[in-house]
């Protein structure tokens, strides 16, 4: 169902973030990272996704990408809504 929603609304960053979460929970880390990166490409203020990307890249041993996403996370204001 999520794939269908994404095919109809590929610009909705929150759907890509949800897809990343579901794929990550299923152990499909490479696909989850790709979905999360699509989400933040569409909306670079998705703080939770940025933090997850930093953790995921650190887990994969890619400290350069982990640091990149950590810096973005650190600079992104907390949404108080």
N, C-alpha and C. Protein backbone atom coordinates (compact mmCIF):
# COMPACT_ATOMS: atom_id res chain seq x y z
N UNK A 1 0.82 -1.19 0.00
CA UNK A 1 0.00 0.00 0.00
C UNK A 1 0.87 1.26 0.00
N UNK A 2 1.94 1.23 0.77
CA UNK A 2 2.82 2.40 0.82
C UNK A 2 3.47 2.67 -0.53
N UNK A 3 3.86 1.61 -1.22
CA UNK A 3 4.43 1.79 -2.56
C UNK A 3 3.43 2.47 -3.49
N UNK A 4 2.17 2.11 -3.36
CA UNK A 4 1.13 2.74 -4.19
C UNK A 4 0.99 4.22 -3.83
N UNK A 5 0.97 4.52 -2.54
CA UNK A 5 0.89 5.92 -2.12
C UNK A 5 2.08 6.72 -2.64
N UNK A 6 3.26 6.13 -2.60
CA UNK A 6 4.45 6.82 -3.09
C UNK A 6 4.40 7.02 -4.60
N UNK A 7 3.81 6.08 -5.32
CA UNK A 7 3.71 6.25 -6.77
C UNK A 7 2.75 7.39 -7.11
N UNK A 8 1.75 7.61 -6.26
CA UNK A 8 0.78 8.69 -6.49
C UNK A 8 1.26 10.03 -5.94
N UNK A 9 2.10 9.99 -4.88
CA UNK A 9 2.55 11.20 -4.20
C UNK A 9 4.05 11.14 -3.92
N UNK A 10 4.88 11.08 -4.95
CA UNK A 10 6.32 10.91 -4.71
C UNK A 10 7.00 12.10 -4.07
N UNK A 11 6.33 13.23 -3.97
CA UNK A 11 6.92 14.43 -3.39
C UNK A 11 6.66 14.54 -1.88
N UNK A 12 5.91 13.62 -1.30
CA UNK A 12 5.60 13.69 0.13
C UNK A 12 6.72 13.06 0.95
N UNK A 13 7.55 13.90 1.49
CA UNK A 13 8.73 13.42 2.22
C UNK A 13 8.36 12.51 3.39
N UNK A 14 7.25 12.78 4.04
CA UNK A 14 6.85 11.98 5.18
C UNK A 14 6.59 10.52 4.79
N UNK A 15 6.09 10.30 3.58
CA UNK A 15 5.88 8.93 3.13
C UNK A 15 7.20 8.20 2.93
N UNK A 16 8.19 8.90 2.40
CA UNK A 16 9.50 8.29 2.23
C UNK A 16 10.12 7.99 3.60
N UNK A 17 9.90 8.89 4.56
CA UNK A 17 10.37 8.65 5.92
C UNK A 17 9.71 7.43 6.54
N UNK A 18 8.41 7.30 6.33
CA UNK A 18 7.68 6.12 6.84
C UNK A 18 8.20 4.85 6.17
N UNK A 19 8.44 4.92 4.86
CA UNK A 19 8.98 3.77 4.15
C UNK A 19 10.35 3.38 4.71
N UNK A 20 11.18 4.37 4.99
CA UNK A 20 12.49 4.11 5.57
C UNK A 20 12.35 3.38 6.90
N UNK A 21 11.43 3.84 7.72
CA UNK A 21 11.21 3.21 9.02
C UNK A 21 10.80 1.75 8.85
N UNK A 22 9.84 1.51 7.98
CA UNK A 22 9.34 0.15 7.77
C UNK A 22 10.43 -0.77 7.22
N UNK A 23 11.19 -0.27 6.25
CA UNK A 23 12.26 -1.08 5.68
C UNK A 23 13.35 -1.36 6.72
N UNK A 24 13.68 -0.36 7.52
CA UNK A 24 14.67 -0.55 8.57
C UNK A 24 14.23 -1.59 9.58
N UNK A 25 12.96 -1.54 9.96
CA UNK A 25 12.43 -2.52 10.91
C UNK A 25 12.43 -3.93 10.33
N UNK A 26 12.40 -4.02 9.01
CA UNK A 26 12.40 -5.31 8.33
C UNK A 26 13.82 -5.82 8.05
N UNK A 27 14.82 -5.06 8.48
CA UNK A 27 16.20 -5.47 8.26
C UNK A 27 16.73 -5.16 6.88
N UNK A 28 16.02 -4.35 6.12
CA UNK A 28 16.44 -4.00 4.76
C UNK A 28 17.11 -2.63 4.79
N UNK A 29 18.29 -2.60 5.43
CA UNK A 29 18.96 -1.34 5.75
C UNK A 29 19.33 -0.53 4.51
N UNK A 30 19.86 -1.16 3.47
CA UNK A 30 20.24 -0.41 2.27
C UNK A 30 19.04 0.31 1.66
N UNK A 31 17.92 -0.39 1.57
CA UNK A 31 16.71 0.22 1.02
C UNK A 31 16.17 1.30 1.95
N UNK A 32 16.28 1.07 3.26
CA UNK A 32 15.82 2.05 4.24
C UNK A 32 16.62 3.34 4.14
N UNK A 33 17.94 3.20 4.00
CA UNK A 33 18.79 4.38 3.88
C UNK A 33 18.43 5.15 2.61
N UNK A 34 18.21 4.45 1.51
CA UNK A 34 17.85 5.12 0.25
C UNK A 34 16.53 5.88 0.41
N UNK A 35 15.55 5.27 1.07
CA UNK A 35 14.26 5.93 1.28
C UNK A 35 14.42 7.15 2.18
N UNK A 36 15.22 7.02 3.23
CA UNK A 36 15.44 8.14 4.15
C UNK A 36 16.16 9.29 3.44
N UNK A 37 17.12 8.95 2.59
CA UNK A 37 17.82 10.00 1.85
C UNK A 37 16.89 10.69 0.86
N UNK A 38 15.94 9.96 0.28
CA UNK A 38 14.93 10.60 -0.59
C UNK A 38 14.08 11.57 0.25
N UNK A 39 13.73 11.14 1.45
CA UNK A 39 12.89 11.97 2.32
C UNK A 39 13.58 13.29 2.64
N UNK A 40 14.85 13.25 3.01
CA UNK A 40 15.53 14.50 3.38
C UNK A 40 15.93 15.32 2.16
N UNK A 41 16.01 14.68 0.99
CA UNK A 41 16.24 15.46 -0.23
C UNK A 41 15.00 16.31 -0.53
N UNK A 42 13.83 15.77 -0.22
CA UNK A 42 12.58 16.50 -0.43
C UNK A 42 12.33 17.51 0.68
N UNK A 43 12.73 17.17 1.90
CA UNK A 43 12.49 18.05 3.04
C UNK A 43 13.68 17.93 4.01
N UNK A 44 14.65 18.82 3.87
CA UNK A 44 15.86 18.73 4.70
C UNK A 44 15.65 19.11 6.16
N UNK A 45 14.42 19.38 6.56
CA UNK A 45 14.15 19.71 7.97
C UNK A 45 13.60 18.52 8.75
N UNK A 46 13.59 17.35 8.16
CA UNK A 46 13.09 16.16 8.86
C UNK A 46 14.14 15.68 9.86
N UNK A 47 14.14 16.30 11.01
CA UNK A 47 15.19 16.09 12.01
C UNK A 47 15.31 14.62 12.44
N UNK A 48 14.20 13.96 12.66
CA UNK A 48 14.23 12.57 13.09
C UNK A 48 14.89 11.69 12.03
N UNK A 49 14.59 11.94 10.77
CA UNK A 49 15.17 11.15 9.68
C UNK A 49 16.67 11.45 9.57
N UNK A 50 17.06 12.71 9.74
CA UNK A 50 18.49 13.05 9.70
C UNK A 50 19.25 12.32 10.80
N UNK A 51 18.68 12.29 11.99
CA UNK A 51 19.32 11.58 13.10
C UNK A 51 19.43 10.10 12.83
N UNK A 52 18.37 9.52 12.27
CA UNK A 52 18.40 8.10 11.94
C UNK A 52 19.45 7.81 10.87
N UNK A 53 19.55 8.68 9.88
CA UNK A 53 20.57 8.50 8.83
C UNK A 53 21.98 8.54 9.42
N UNK A 54 22.22 9.43 10.36
CA UNK A 54 23.53 9.48 11.01
C UNK A 54 23.82 8.15 11.70
N UNK A 55 22.85 7.64 12.43
CA UNK A 55 23.03 6.36 13.12
C UNK A 55 23.22 5.20 12.13
N UNK A 56 22.42 5.19 11.08
CA UNK A 56 22.49 4.10 10.10
C UNK A 56 23.85 4.08 9.40
N UNK A 57 24.33 5.24 9.00
CA UNK A 57 25.64 5.29 8.33
C UNK A 57 26.77 4.94 9.30
N UNK A 58 26.62 5.33 10.56
CA UNK A 58 27.62 4.96 11.56
C UNK A 58 27.63 3.44 11.73
N UNK A 59 26.46 2.84 11.79
CA UNK A 59 26.33 1.38 11.90
C UNK A 59 26.97 0.68 10.71
N UNK A 60 26.83 1.28 9.53
CA UNK A 60 27.41 0.70 8.31
C UNK A 60 28.91 0.96 8.20
N UNK A 61 29.46 1.76 9.11
CA UNK A 61 30.88 2.05 9.10
C UNK A 61 31.29 3.21 8.21
N UNK A 62 30.33 3.99 7.77
CA UNK A 62 30.62 5.13 6.90
C UNK A 62 30.60 6.41 7.74
N UNK A 63 31.72 6.70 8.39
CA UNK A 63 31.79 7.85 9.29
C UNK A 63 31.65 9.19 8.56
N UNK A 64 32.08 9.26 7.31
CA UNK A 64 31.93 10.50 6.55
C UNK A 64 30.45 10.87 6.39
N UNK A 65 29.66 9.91 5.92
CA UNK A 65 28.23 10.17 5.75
C UNK A 65 27.54 10.34 7.10
N UNK A 66 27.96 9.55 8.09
CA UNK A 66 27.38 9.69 9.42
C UNK A 66 27.61 11.10 9.94
N UNK A 67 28.82 11.60 9.79
CA UNK A 67 29.14 12.95 10.24
C UNK A 67 28.35 14.00 9.49
N UNK A 68 28.19 13.79 8.19
CA UNK A 68 27.42 14.74 7.37
C UNK A 68 25.99 14.85 7.90
N UNK A 69 25.33 13.72 8.10
CA UNK A 69 23.94 13.75 8.55
C UNK A 69 23.85 14.20 10.01
N UNK A 70 24.87 13.90 10.82
CA UNK A 70 24.87 14.39 12.20
C UNK A 70 24.94 15.91 12.25
N UNK A 71 25.78 16.49 11.40
CA UNK A 71 25.89 17.95 11.35
C UNK A 71 24.57 18.58 10.91
N UNK A 72 23.92 17.98 9.90
CA UNK A 72 22.61 18.49 9.46
C UNK A 72 21.59 18.37 10.59
N UNK A 73 21.61 17.26 11.29
CA UNK A 73 20.71 17.05 12.42
C UNK A 73 20.94 18.12 13.48
N UNK A 74 22.19 18.36 13.81
CA UNK A 74 22.54 19.32 14.86
C UNK A 74 22.12 20.74 14.50
N UNK A 75 22.12 21.06 13.21
CA UNK A 75 21.76 22.42 12.76
C UNK A 75 20.27 22.61 12.55
N UNK A 76 19.51 21.53 12.53
CA UNK A 76 18.08 21.61 12.25
C UNK A 76 17.31 21.92 13.53
N UNK A 77 16.52 22.99 13.52
CA UNK A 77 15.77 23.34 14.73
C UNK A 77 14.76 22.27 15.09
N UNK A 78 14.50 22.15 16.38
CA UNK A 78 13.48 21.22 16.88
C UNK A 78 12.12 21.82 16.56
N UNK A 79 11.25 21.00 15.97
CA UNK A 79 9.88 21.44 15.68
C UNK A 79 9.06 21.35 16.94
N UNK A 80 8.55 22.45 17.40
CA UNK A 80 7.78 22.48 18.64
C UNK A 80 6.29 22.27 18.44
N UNK A 81 5.88 22.03 17.21
CA UNK A 81 4.44 21.79 16.94
C UNK A 81 4.06 20.37 17.21
